[in-house]
């Protein structure tokens, strides 16, 4: 095989995603200018009180690093959950919760009540009405939301729900 032909085959075999990746100069003028590299260590991100008095939260710094596009909290129980949060929804695009340890139970506007344990996760689009009714004393979760700033709107229990919701879980 001639040298020119081998070179053309090598070029054609190149991963096109590598060819399409912008140069560092192009990246600096992209819409991601407000984002920056973040290294979040336990020693520099202490737990702080949050919106629920029975949980404590460790802000992982993503809100600042992402220019407000998202946030992430490592959340643990201070004590077992004494009462439900009440029906509410969040003004955001989405929330994602990954259970690291313990158990949480939530009721949803779709008529289900779900219990999540270690390794389980849930994705809640903004505006979906739900009610957190249980968290174990050893509850530990990673909670991510988009955008970084979200609000909570308390509402009444949806009228269309039956008295007993349909249980769903991995058990």
N, C-alpha and C. Protein backbone atom coordinates (compact mmCIF):
# COMPACT_ATOMS: atom_id res chain seq x y z
N UNK A 1 0.86 -1.18 0.00
CA UNK A 1 0.00 0.00 0.00
C UNK A 1 0.89 1.23 0.00
N UNK A 2 0.56 2.18 -0.85
CA UNK A 2 1.40 3.38 -0.94
C UNK A 2 1.22 4.23 0.31
N UNK A 3 2.19 5.09 0.58
CA UNK A 3 2.15 5.96 1.75
C UNK A 3 0.97 6.91 1.73
N UNK A 4 0.66 7.48 0.54
CA UNK A 4 -0.47 8.40 0.43
C UNK A 4 -1.79 7.70 0.73
N UNK A 5 -1.94 6.51 0.19
CA UNK A 5 -3.19 5.76 0.39
C UNK A 5 -3.36 5.39 1.87
N UNK A 6 -2.31 4.95 2.51
CA UNK A 6 -2.36 4.60 3.94
C UNK A 6 -2.73 5.83 4.77
N UNK A 7 -2.18 6.97 4.42
CA UNK A 7 -2.48 8.21 5.15
C UNK A 7 -3.96 8.57 5.00
N UNK A 8 -4.52 8.44 3.76
CA UNK A 8 -5.94 8.75 3.53
C UNK A 8 -6.84 7.80 4.34
N UNK A 9 -6.48 6.51 4.40
CA UNK A 9 -7.28 5.56 5.17
C UNK A 9 -7.23 5.92 6.65
N UNK A 10 -6.08 6.31 7.13
CA UNK A 10 -5.94 6.70 8.53
C UNK A 10 -6.80 7.92 8.82
N UNK A 11 -6.79 8.90 7.92
CA UNK A 11 -7.60 10.10 8.11
C UNK A 11 -9.09 9.78 8.09
N UNK A 12 -9.50 8.89 7.18
CA UNK A 12 -10.90 8.51 7.09
C UNK A 12 -11.36 7.71 8.30
N UNK A 13 -10.45 7.00 8.95
CA UNK A 13 -10.80 6.18 10.10
C UNK A 13 -10.86 7.00 11.39
N UNK A 14 -10.40 8.24 11.34
CA UNK A 14 -10.34 9.07 12.54
C UNK A 14 -11.74 9.28 13.11
N UNK A 15 -11.86 9.28 14.41
CA UNK A 15 -13.13 9.53 15.09
C UNK A 15 -13.60 10.94 14.75
N UNK A 16 -14.77 11.06 14.13
CA UNK A 16 -15.25 12.38 13.71
C UNK A 16 -15.60 13.27 14.89
N UNK A 17 -15.90 12.68 16.05
CA UNK A 17 -16.18 13.54 17.21
C UNK A 17 -14.94 14.31 17.60
N UNK A 18 -13.78 13.72 17.40
CA UNK A 18 -12.53 14.43 17.68
C UNK A 18 -12.35 15.57 16.70
N UNK A 19 -12.71 15.35 15.44
CA UNK A 19 -12.56 16.38 14.42
C UNK A 19 -13.50 17.55 14.67
N UNK A 20 -14.66 17.28 15.28
CA UNK A 20 -15.66 18.33 15.47
C UNK A 20 -15.50 19.08 16.78
N UNK A 21 -14.63 18.63 17.64
CA UNK A 21 -14.45 19.27 18.93
C UNK A 21 -13.87 20.66 18.73
N UNK A 22 -14.47 21.70 19.34
CA UNK A 22 -13.95 23.06 19.14
C UNK A 22 -12.59 23.23 19.79
N UNK A 23 -11.83 24.12 19.22
CA UNK A 23 -10.51 24.41 19.79
C UNK A 23 -10.70 25.20 21.08
N UNK A 24 -9.66 25.27 21.93
CA UNK A 24 -9.78 26.06 23.17
C UNK A 24 -10.16 27.51 22.92
N UNK A 25 -9.72 28.08 21.80
CA UNK A 25 -10.09 29.46 21.48
C UNK A 25 -11.59 29.55 21.21
N UNK A 26 -12.14 28.59 20.43
CA UNK A 26 -13.58 28.58 20.16
C UNK A 26 -14.37 28.37 21.45
N UNK A 27 -13.87 27.54 22.34
CA UNK A 27 -14.58 27.28 23.59
C UNK A 27 -14.68 28.54 24.44
N UNK A 28 -13.66 29.38 24.43
CA UNK A 28 -13.68 30.56 25.29
C UNK A 28 -14.72 31.58 24.83
N UNK A 29 -15.17 31.50 23.58
CA UNK A 29 -16.18 32.44 23.11
C UNK A 29 -17.56 31.80 23.04
N UNK A 30 -17.71 30.61 23.60
CA UNK A 30 -18.99 29.90 23.57
C UNK A 30 -19.93 30.42 24.64
N UNK A 31 -21.20 29.98 24.62
CA UNK A 31 -22.15 30.40 25.66
C UNK A 31 -21.76 29.89 27.04
N UNK A 32 -20.78 29.00 27.13
CA UNK A 32 -20.38 28.43 28.42
C UNK A 32 -19.39 29.31 29.17
N UNK A 33 -19.21 30.55 28.74
CA UNK A 33 -18.25 31.43 29.40
C UNK A 33 -18.51 31.56 30.89
N UNK A 34 -19.77 31.50 31.30
CA UNK A 34 -20.10 31.69 32.72
C UNK A 34 -19.83 30.43 33.55
N UNK A 35 -19.41 29.35 32.89
CA UNK A 35 -19.12 28.13 33.64
C UNK A 35 -17.61 28.00 33.85
N UNK A 36 -17.27 27.31 34.94
CA UNK A 36 -15.85 27.08 35.20
C UNK A 36 -15.64 25.72 35.85
N UNK A 37 -14.43 25.25 35.74
CA UNK A 37 -14.04 23.97 36.33
C UNK A 37 -14.22 24.05 37.84
N UNK A 38 -14.74 22.98 38.43
CA UNK A 38 -14.95 22.93 39.87
C UNK A 38 -14.45 21.60 40.41
N UNK A 39 -13.72 21.69 41.50
CA UNK A 39 -13.31 20.49 42.23
C UNK A 39 -13.89 20.64 43.63
N UNK A 40 -14.86 19.82 43.95
CA UNK A 40 -15.60 19.96 45.21
C UNK A 40 -15.16 18.87 46.18
N UNK A 41 -14.54 19.28 47.27
CA UNK A 41 -14.04 18.36 48.28
C UNK A 41 -14.86 18.47 49.55
N UNK A 42 -15.00 17.37 50.26
CA UNK A 42 -15.76 17.35 51.52
C UNK A 42 -15.24 18.43 52.47
N UNK A 43 -13.93 18.60 52.54
CA UNK A 43 -13.34 19.55 53.47
C UNK A 43 -13.70 21.00 53.17
N UNK A 44 -14.12 21.29 51.94
CA UNK A 44 -14.44 22.68 51.57
C UNK A 44 -15.92 22.91 51.31
N UNK A 45 -16.73 21.87 51.49
CA UNK A 45 -18.17 22.00 51.27
C UNK A 45 -18.91 21.43 52.48
N UNK A 46 -18.94 22.17 53.58
CA UNK A 46 -19.58 21.66 54.79
C UNK A 46 -21.09 21.58 54.67
N UNK A 47 -21.69 20.75 55.52
CA UNK A 47 -23.15 20.66 55.59
C UNK A 47 -23.69 21.93 56.22
N UNK A 48 -24.84 22.38 55.71
CA UNK A 48 -25.49 23.58 56.24
C UNK A 48 -26.99 23.30 56.35
N UNK A 49 -27.70 24.06 57.19
CA UNK A 49 -29.16 23.88 57.26
C UNK A 49 -29.78 24.22 55.90
N UNK A 50 -30.92 23.60 55.60
CA UNK A 50 -31.58 23.85 54.33
C UNK A 50 -33.06 24.08 54.51
N UNK A 51 -33.83 23.78 53.47
CA UNK A 51 -35.26 24.08 53.48
C UNK A 51 -36.07 23.18 54.39
N UNK A 52 -35.54 22.01 54.76
CA UNK A 52 -36.22 21.08 55.67
C UNK A 52 -35.40 20.93 56.94
N UNK A 53 -35.99 21.19 58.11
CA UNK A 53 -35.20 21.15 59.36
C UNK A 53 -34.70 19.76 59.75
N UNK A 54 -35.29 18.71 59.20
CA UNK A 54 -34.87 17.35 59.56
C UNK A 54 -33.78 16.82 58.62
N UNK A 55 -33.32 17.65 57.66
CA UNK A 55 -32.22 17.28 56.77
C UNK A 55 -31.11 18.32 56.90
N UNK A 56 -29.90 17.91 56.56
CA UNK A 56 -28.83 18.88 56.39
C UNK A 56 -28.29 18.69 54.98
N UNK A 57 -27.77 19.77 54.43
CA UNK A 57 -27.41 19.81 53.02
C UNK A 57 -25.96 20.24 52.84
N UNK A 58 -25.28 19.60 51.89
CA UNK A 58 -23.93 20.01 51.53
C UNK A 58 -23.99 20.49 50.08
N UNK A 59 -23.85 21.80 49.91
CA UNK A 59 -23.88 22.41 48.57
C UNK A 59 -22.58 22.03 47.87
N UNK A 60 -22.70 21.34 46.74
CA UNK A 60 -21.52 20.85 46.02
C UNK A 60 -20.91 21.90 45.09
N UNK A 61 -21.48 23.10 45.06
CA UNK A 61 -20.90 24.21 44.32
C UNK A 61 -21.25 24.29 42.84
N UNK A 62 -22.14 23.42 42.37
CA UNK A 62 -22.47 23.42 40.94
C UNK A 62 -23.23 24.66 40.49
N UNK A 63 -23.97 25.27 41.38
CA UNK A 63 -24.71 26.46 40.96
C UNK A 63 -23.75 27.55 40.50
N UNK A 64 -22.72 27.78 41.27
CA UNK A 64 -21.73 28.78 40.88
C UNK A 64 -20.90 28.35 39.68
N UNK A 65 -20.48 27.09 39.66
CA UNK A 65 -19.63 26.60 38.58
C UNK A 65 -20.37 26.52 37.24
N UNK A 66 -21.69 26.31 37.29
CA UNK A 66 -22.47 26.18 36.05
C UNK A 66 -23.11 27.49 35.62
N UNK A 67 -22.78 28.57 36.29
CA UNK A 67 -23.40 29.85 35.96
C UNK A 67 -24.88 29.85 36.25
N UNK A 68 -25.31 29.09 37.27
CA UNK A 68 -26.71 29.04 37.67
C UNK A 68 -27.54 28.02 36.92
N UNK A 69 -26.93 27.29 36.00
CA UNK A 69 -27.69 26.33 35.18
C UNK A 69 -28.19 25.13 35.97
N UNK A 70 -27.49 24.76 37.05
CA UNK A 70 -27.90 23.60 37.85
C UNK A 70 -27.34 23.74 39.26
N UNK A 71 -27.85 22.89 40.15
CA UNK A 71 -27.28 22.81 41.49
C UNK A 71 -27.29 21.35 41.91
N UNK A 72 -26.44 21.04 42.87
CA UNK A 72 -26.40 19.68 43.42
C UNK A 72 -26.13 19.77 44.90
N UNK A 73 -26.89 18.98 45.66
CA UNK A 73 -26.73 18.90 47.10
C UNK A 73 -26.57 17.44 47.51
N UNK A 74 -25.71 17.23 48.47
CA UNK A 74 -25.61 15.95 49.16
C UNK A 74 -26.43 16.16 50.42
N UNK A 75 -27.47 15.38 50.62
CA UNK A 75 -28.40 15.60 51.72
C UNK A 75 -28.44 14.39 52.64
N UNK A 76 -28.42 14.64 53.94
CA UNK A 76 -28.53 13.57 54.93
C UNK A 76 -29.59 13.95 55.95
N UNK A 77 -30.11 12.94 56.64
CA UNK A 77 -31.11 13.18 57.68
C UNK A 77 -30.43 13.62 58.97
N UNK A 78 -31.00 14.61 59.62
CA UNK A 78 -30.57 15.01 60.95
C UNK A 78 -31.24 14.10 61.96
N UNK A 79 -32.49 13.78 61.68
CA UNK A 79 -33.29 12.84 62.45
C UNK A 79 -34.33 12.29 61.50
N UNK A 80 -35.03 11.28 61.90
CA UNK A 80 -36.08 10.74 61.04
C UNK A 80 -37.12 11.80 60.75
N UNK A 81 -37.76 11.69 59.65
CA UNK A 81 -38.79 12.64 59.25
C UNK A 81 -39.99 12.49 60.17
N UNK A 82 -40.39 13.57 60.83
CA UNK A 82 -41.46 13.52 61.81
C UNK A 82 -42.85 13.70 61.21
N UNK A 83 -42.93 14.39 60.08
CA UNK A 83 -44.22 14.61 59.43
C UNK A 83 -43.99 14.85 57.95
N UNK A 84 -44.99 14.57 57.12
CA UNK A 84 -44.84 14.80 55.68
C UNK A 84 -44.55 16.27 55.37
N UNK A 85 -43.95 16.50 54.23
CA UNK A 85 -43.65 17.86 53.82
C UNK A 85 -44.91 18.61 53.40
N UNK A 86 -45.92 17.86 53.03
CA UNK A 86 -47.12 18.47 52.46
C UNK A 86 -47.00 18.48 50.95
N UNK A 87 -48.14 18.48 50.28
CA UNK A 87 -48.16 18.47 48.83
C UNK A 87 -47.58 19.77 48.31
N UNK A 88 -46.71 19.66 47.32
CA UNK A 88 -46.05 20.84 46.75
C UNK A 88 -45.48 20.49 45.38
N UNK A 89 -45.03 21.51 44.68
CA UNK A 89 -44.27 21.32 43.45
C UNK A 89 -43.17 22.36 43.44
N UNK A 90 -42.21 22.13 42.55
CA UNK A 90 -41.08 23.05 42.45
C UNK A 90 -41.11 23.79 41.12
N UNK A 91 -40.77 25.08 41.19
CA UNK A 91 -40.66 25.89 39.99
C UNK A 91 -39.23 25.73 39.48
N UNK A 92 -39.07 24.77 38.60
CA UNK A 92 -37.78 24.46 38.00
C UNK A 92 -38.04 23.67 36.73
N UNK A 93 -37.00 23.37 35.99
CA UNK A 93 -37.16 22.50 34.82
C UNK A 93 -37.24 21.05 35.25
N UNK A 94 -36.38 20.67 36.21
CA UNK A 94 -36.33 19.27 36.63
C UNK A 94 -35.54 19.10 37.91
N UNK A 95 -35.81 17.96 38.56
CA UNK A 95 -35.05 17.53 39.73
C UNK A 95 -34.69 16.07 39.51
N UNK A 96 -33.52 15.69 40.01
CA UNK A 96 -33.09 14.30 39.98
C UNK A 96 -32.59 13.97 41.38
N UNK A 97 -33.05 12.85 41.94
CA UNK A 97 -32.63 12.41 43.27
C UNK A 97 -32.09 10.99 43.17
N UNK A 98 -30.90 10.79 43.69
CA UNK A 98 -30.28 9.46 43.75
C UNK A 98 -30.12 9.10 45.22
N UNK A 99 -30.65 7.94 45.63
CA UNK A 99 -30.57 7.52 47.03
C UNK A 99 -29.26 6.77 47.24
N UNK A 100 -28.43 7.30 48.12
CA UNK A 100 -27.15 6.70 48.45
C UNK A 100 -27.31 5.68 49.57
N UNK A 101 -28.15 6.06 50.54
CA UNK A 101 -28.32 5.23 51.74
C UNK A 101 -29.70 5.50 52.32
N UNK A 102 -30.27 4.51 53.02
CA UNK A 102 -31.56 4.70 53.68
C UNK A 102 -32.72 4.57 52.71
N UNK A 103 -33.86 5.17 53.12
CA UNK A 103 -35.09 5.06 52.33
C UNK A 103 -35.84 6.39 52.36
N UNK A 104 -36.53 6.67 51.27
CA UNK A 104 -37.45 7.81 51.20
C UNK A 104 -38.74 7.33 50.53
N UNK A 105 -39.85 7.92 50.94
CA UNK A 105 -41.14 7.58 50.33
C UNK A 105 -41.84 8.87 49.93
N UNK A 106 -42.32 8.89 48.71
CA UNK A 106 -43.02 10.06 48.19
C UNK A 106 -44.34 9.64 47.55
N UNK A 107 -45.32 10.53 47.67
CA UNK A 107 -46.59 10.39 46.96
C UNK A 107 -46.54 11.31 45.76
N UNK A 108 -47.18 10.88 44.66
CA UNK A 108 -47.15 11.66 43.43
C UNK A 108 -48.56 11.91 42.89
N UNK A 109 -48.69 12.99 42.15
CA UNK A 109 -49.97 13.37 41.56
C UNK A 109 -50.51 12.34 40.58
N UNK A 110 -49.68 11.38 40.14
CA UNK A 110 -50.16 10.35 39.21
C UNK A 110 -50.87 9.21 39.93
N UNK A 111 -51.05 9.35 41.26
CA UNK A 111 -51.78 8.34 42.03
C UNK A 111 -50.90 7.23 42.60
N UNK A 112 -49.58 7.43 42.56
CA UNK A 112 -48.68 6.41 43.11
C UNK A 112 -47.99 6.92 44.36
N UNK A 113 -47.57 5.97 45.18
CA UNK A 113 -46.69 6.25 46.32
C UNK A 113 -45.51 5.32 46.14
N UNK A 114 -44.30 5.87 46.16
CA UNK A 114 -43.11 5.09 45.85
C UNK A 114 -42.08 5.18 46.97
N UNK A 115 -41.50 4.04 47.27
CA UNK A 115 -40.42 3.96 48.25
C UNK A 115 -39.12 3.68 47.50
N UNK A 116 -38.12 4.49 47.78
CA UNK A 116 -36.82 4.38 47.12
C UNK A 116 -35.76 4.04 48.15
N UNK A 117 -34.90 3.08 47.82
CA UNK A 117 -33.79 2.69 48.69
C UNK A 117 -32.47 2.93 48.00
N UNK A 118 -31.38 2.55 48.66
CA UNK A 118 -30.04 2.75 48.12
C UNK A 118 -29.94 2.23 46.69
N UNK A 119 -29.43 3.07 45.81
CA UNK A 119 -29.28 2.72 44.40
C UNK A 119 -30.46 3.10 43.54
N UNK A 120 -31.60 3.46 44.14
CA UNK A 120 -32.77 3.88 43.39
C UNK A 120 -32.66 5.38 43.09
N UNK A 121 -33.42 5.82 42.10
CA UNK A 121 -33.41 7.25 41.76
C UNK A 121 -34.79 7.67 41.28
N UNK A 122 -35.01 8.97 41.25
CA UNK A 122 -36.25 9.50 40.71
C UNK A 122 -35.98 10.80 39.99
N UNK A 123 -36.72 11.01 38.93
CA UNK A 123 -36.65 12.22 38.11
C UNK A 123 -38.00 12.88 38.17
N UNK A 124 -38.03 14.14 38.59
CA UNK A 124 -39.29 14.86 38.73
C UNK A 124 -39.24 16.10 37.84
N UNK A 125 -40.01 16.14 36.76
CA UNK A 125 -40.08 17.37 35.97
C UNK A 125 -40.66 18.50 36.81
N UNK A 126 -40.25 19.72 36.54
CA UNK A 126 -40.79 20.86 37.26
C UNK A 126 -42.30 20.89 37.17
N UNK A 127 -42.96 21.28 38.25
CA UNK A 127 -44.42 21.38 38.27
C UNK A 127 -45.15 20.11 38.67
N UNK A 128 -44.45 18.99 38.79
CA UNK A 128 -45.11 17.74 39.20
C UNK A 128 -45.36 17.80 40.70
N UNK A 129 -46.61 17.63 41.09
CA UNK A 129 -47.01 17.73 42.50
C UNK A 129 -46.66 16.43 43.22
N UNK A 130 -46.03 16.58 44.39
CA UNK A 130 -45.61 15.42 45.17
C UNK A 130 -45.59 15.77 46.65
N UNK A 131 -45.44 14.74 47.47
CA UNK A 131 -45.45 14.89 48.92
C UNK A 131 -44.46 13.89 49.50
N UNK A 132 -43.43 14.36 50.17
CA UNK A 132 -42.47 13.48 50.81
C UNK A 132 -43.08 13.05 52.15
N UNK A 133 -43.31 11.74 52.31
CA UNK A 133 -44.01 11.29 53.52
C UNK A 133 -43.11 10.50 54.48
N UNK A 134 -41.93 10.09 54.02
CA UNK A 134 -41.05 9.32 54.91
C UNK A 134 -39.60 9.46 54.47
N UNK A 135 -38.73 9.59 55.44
CA UNK A 135 -37.28 9.51 55.23
C UNK A 135 -36.70 8.81 56.45
N UNK A 136 -35.91 7.78 56.22
CA UNK A 136 -35.30 7.05 57.33
C UNK A 136 -34.23 7.90 58.01
N UNK A 137 -33.89 7.52 59.22
CA UNK A 137 -32.88 8.28 59.97
C UNK A 137 -31.52 8.25 59.31
N UNK A 138 -31.26 7.24 58.48
CA UNK A 138 -29.97 7.15 57.79
C UNK A 138 -30.05 7.59 56.33
N UNK A 139 -31.11 8.33 55.97
CA UNK A 139 -31.32 8.79 54.60
C UNK A 139 -30.13 9.63 54.12
N UNK A 140 -29.65 9.30 52.92
CA UNK A 140 -28.57 10.06 52.30
C UNK A 140 -28.84 10.08 50.80
N UNK A 141 -28.92 11.26 50.22
CA UNK A 141 -29.25 11.39 48.80
C UNK A 141 -28.35 12.42 48.11
N UNK A 142 -28.28 12.30 46.81
CA UNK A 142 -27.70 13.32 45.95
C UNK A 142 -28.88 13.93 45.20
N UNK A 143 -29.04 15.24 45.33
CA UNK A 143 -30.17 15.92 44.69
C UNK A 143 -29.64 16.95 43.70
N UNK A 144 -30.10 16.85 42.45
CA UNK A 144 -29.66 17.75 41.39
C UNK A 144 -30.90 18.44 40.83
N UNK A 145 -30.80 19.74 40.59
CA UNK A 145 -31.92 20.46 39.98
C UNK A 145 -31.42 21.39 38.89
N UNK A 146 -32.30 21.63 37.94
CA UNK A 146 -32.05 22.54 36.83
C UNK A 146 -33.24 23.47 36.74
N UNK A 147 -33.04 24.78 36.77
CA UNK A 147 -31.78 25.49 36.98
C UNK A 147 -31.37 25.46 38.45
N UNK A 148 -30.33 26.22 38.77
CA UNK A 148 -29.82 26.23 40.14
C UNK A 148 -30.80 26.79 41.16
N UNK A 149 -31.49 27.83 40.80
CA UNK A 149 -32.48 28.44 41.71
C UNK A 149 -33.84 27.82 41.44
N UNK A 150 -34.42 27.23 42.48
CA UNK A 150 -35.77 26.69 42.33
C UNK A 150 -36.63 27.21 43.47
N UNK A 151 -37.91 27.20 43.25
CA UNK A 151 -38.85 27.59 44.28
C UNK A 151 -39.75 26.43 44.63
N UNK A 152 -40.43 26.54 45.76
CA UNK A 152 -41.38 25.52 46.21
C UNK A 152 -42.74 26.18 46.38
N UNK A 153 -43.76 25.57 45.80
CA UNK A 153 -45.12 26.09 45.90
C UNK A 153 -45.96 25.03 46.60
N UNK A 154 -46.46 25.37 47.78
CA UNK A 154 -47.32 24.45 48.53
C UNK A 154 -48.72 24.47 47.95
N UNK A 155 -49.30 23.27 47.83
CA UNK A 155 -50.65 23.13 47.25
C UNK A 155 -51.45 22.13 48.09
N UNK A 156 -52.74 22.07 47.81
CA UNK A 156 -53.60 21.07 48.43
C UNK A 156 -53.39 19.72 47.75
N UNK A 157 -53.77 18.66 48.44
CA UNK A 157 -53.73 17.32 47.85
C UNK A 157 -54.60 17.34 46.60
N UNK A 158 -54.09 16.85 45.47
CA UNK A 158 -54.90 16.87 44.25
C UNK A 158 -56.24 16.14 44.45
N UNK A 159 -57.33 16.77 44.05
CA UNK A 159 -58.67 16.24 44.28
C UNK A 159 -58.93 14.93 43.56
N UNK A 160 -58.28 14.71 42.41
CA UNK A 160 -58.54 13.51 41.62
C UNK A 160 -57.94 12.23 42.23
N UNK A 161 -57.12 12.37 43.26
CA UNK A 161 -56.45 11.19 43.83
C UNK A 161 -57.40 10.34 44.65
N UNK A 162 -57.26 9.02 44.54
CA UNK A 162 -58.08 8.13 45.38
C UNK A 162 -57.58 8.21 46.82
N UNK A 163 -58.39 7.77 47.78
CA UNK A 163 -57.96 7.80 49.19
C UNK A 163 -56.67 7.02 49.44
N UNK A 164 -56.51 5.89 48.74
CA UNK A 164 -55.29 5.08 48.87
C UNK A 164 -54.56 5.08 47.54
N UNK A 165 -53.30 5.47 47.57
CA UNK A 165 -52.51 5.52 46.35
C UNK A 165 -51.91 4.15 46.04
N UNK A 166 -51.59 3.92 44.79
CA UNK A 166 -51.01 2.65 44.33
C UNK A 166 -49.52 2.62 44.66
N UNK A 167 -49.10 1.63 45.43
CA UNK A 167 -47.70 1.53 45.85
C UNK A 167 -46.83 0.97 44.73
N UNK A 168 -45.68 1.60 44.53
CA UNK A 168 -44.67 1.13 43.59
C UNK A 168 -43.32 1.18 44.27
N UNK A 169 -42.52 0.14 44.07
CA UNK A 169 -41.17 0.11 44.63
C UNK A 169 -40.40 -1.01 43.95
N UNK A 170 -39.15 -1.18 44.33
CA UNK A 170 -38.34 -2.24 43.74
C UNK A 170 -38.43 -3.53 44.54
N UNK A 171 -39.30 -3.60 45.50
CA UNK A 171 -39.42 -4.79 46.34
C UNK A 171 -40.50 -5.71 45.82
